[in-house]
Amino acid sequence: MPKLPTDPYILFSFLNTKLRDTGMTLEEFCLENSCDEQKLTEQLEKAGFAYDAERRCFR
């Protein structure tokens, strides 16, 4: 499992890059990397980002 950034803006960039480069959904990424999808989503929502499942990225 990659060590995920704690800064929400760096995490936003990191996740979007990973999701774009791998073509995974957030759910698939979290399963593969043993991450808590709800916690990641909540952390990014606090910074003003929301997951767009159709586009497979945070916006």
C-alpha atoms as a PDB file:
ATOM      1  CA  MET A   1       0.000   0.000   0.000  1.00  0.00           C
ATOM      2  CA  PRO A   2       1.375   3.414  -0.870  1.00  0.00           C
ATOM      3  CA  LYS A   3       1.705   5.878   1.966  1.00  0.00           C
ATOM      4  CA  LEU A   4      -1.009   8.398   1.191  1.00  0.00           C
ATOM      5  CA  PRO A   5      -0.333  12.116   1.551  1.00  0.00           C
ATOM      6  CA  THR A   6      -1.966  13.740   4.567  1.00  0.00           C
ATOM      7  CA  ASP A   7      -2.296  17.206   3.029  1.00  0.00           C
ATOM      8  CA  PRO A   8      -5.728  17.227   1.327  1.00  0.00           C
ATOM      9  CA  TYR A   9      -4.496  19.181  -1.721  1.00  0.00           C
ATOM     10  CA  ILE A  10      -1.595  16.830  -2.321  1.00  0.00           C
ATOM     11  CA  LEU A  11      -3.907  13.860  -1.677  1.00  0.00           C
ATOM     12  CA  PHE A  12      -6.347  15.286  -4.241  1.00  0.00           C
ATOM     13  CA  SER A  13      -3.605  15.474  -6.869  1.00  0.00           C
ATOM     14  CA  PHE A  14      -2.149  12.079  -5.944  1.00  0.00           C
ATOM     15  CA  LEU A  15      -5.487  10.265  -6.125  1.00  0.00           C
ATOM     16  CA  ASN A  16      -6.573  11.889  -9.362  1.00  0.00           C
ATOM     17  CA  THR A  17      -3.255  10.977 -10.963  1.00  0.00           C
ATOM     18  CA  LYS A  18      -3.507   7.367  -9.771  1.00  0.00           C
ATOM     19  CA  LEU A  19      -7.128   7.023 -10.857  1.00  0.00           C
ATOM     20  CA  ARG A  20      -6.392   8.545 -14.271  1.00  0.00           C
ATOM     21  CA  ASP A  21      -3.236   6.512 -14.882  1.00  0.00           C
ATOM     22  CA  THR A  22      -4.718   3.169 -13.788  1.00  0.00           C
ATOM     23  CA  GLY A  23      -8.299   3.620 -14.997  1.00  0.00           C
ATOM     24  CA  MET A  24      -9.567   2.388 -11.625  1.00  0.00           C
ATOM     25  CA  THR A  25     -12.567   3.624  -9.721  1.00  0.00           C
ATOM     26  CA  LEU A  26     -12.035   4.995  -6.229  1.00  0.00           C
ATOM     27  CA  GLU A  27     -13.531   1.803  -4.830  1.00  0.00           C
ATOM     28  CA  GLU A  28     -11.089  -0.359  -6.814  1.00  0.00           C
ATOM     29  CA  PHE A  29      -8.150   1.825  -5.761  1.00  0.00           C
ATOM     30  CA  CYS A  30      -9.134   1.552  -2.096  1.00  0.00           C
ATOM     31  CA  LEU A  31      -9.591  -2.220  -2.279  1.00  0.00           C
ATOM     32  CA  GLU A  32      -6.243  -2.719  -3.988  1.00  0.00           C
ATOM     33  CA  ASN A  33      -4.420  -0.414  -1.564  1.00  0.00           C
ATOM     34  CA  SER A  34      -6.265  -1.320   1.661  1.00  0.00           C
ATOM     35  CA  CYS A  35      -7.580   2.231   2.095  1.00  0.00           C
ATOM     36  CA  ASP A  36     -10.793   3.325   3.746  1.00  0.00           C
ATOM     37  CA  GLU A  37     -12.845   4.877   0.935  1.00  0.00           C
ATOM     38  CA  GLN A  38     -15.160   6.717   3.310  1.00  0.00           C
ATOM     39  CA  LYS A  39     -12.281   8.318   5.231  1.00  0.00           C
ATOM     40  CA  LEU A  40     -10.549   9.419   2.026  1.00  0.00           C
ATOM     41  CA  THR A  41     -13.771  10.878   0.677  1.00  0.00           C
ATOM     42  CA  GLU A  42     -14.506  12.697   3.942  1.00  0.00           C
ATOM     43  CA  GLN A  43     -10.979  14.104   4.126  1.00  0.00           C
ATOM     44  CA  LEU A  44     -11.247  15.508   0.611  1.00  0.00           C
ATOM     45  CA  GLU A  45     -14.809  16.763   1.119  1.00  0.00           C
ATOM     46  CA  LYS A  46     -13.554  18.873   4.043  1.00  0.00           C
ATOM     47  CA  ALA A  47     -11.194  20.558   1.578  1.00  0.00           C
ATOM     48  CA  GLY A  48     -14.035  21.160  -0.885  1.00  0.00           C
ATOM     49  CA  PHE A  49     -13.550  18.225  -3.265  1.00  0.00           C
ATOM     50  CA  ALA A  50     -16.184  15.677  -4.252  1.00  0.00           C
ATOM     51  CA  TYR A  51     -15.735  12.373  -6.064  1.00  0.00           C
ATOM     52  CA  ASP A  52     -17.273  12.259  -9.542  1.00  0.00           C
ATOM     53  CA  ALA A  53     -17.908   8.548 -10.148  1.00  0.00           C
ATOM     54  CA  GLU A  54     -18.773   9.102 -13.804  1.00  0.00           C
ATOM     55  CA  ARG A  55     -15.432  10.777 -14.494  1.00  0.00           C
ATOM     56  CA  ARG A  56     -13.531   8.726 -11.910  1.00  0.00           C
ATOM     57  CA  CYS A  57     -11.902  11.725 -10.291  1.00  0.00           C
ATOM     58  CA  PHE A  58     -12.259  14.269  -7.524  1.00  0.00           C
ATOM     59  CA  ARG A  59     -13.399  17.722  -8.540  1.00  0.00           C
END
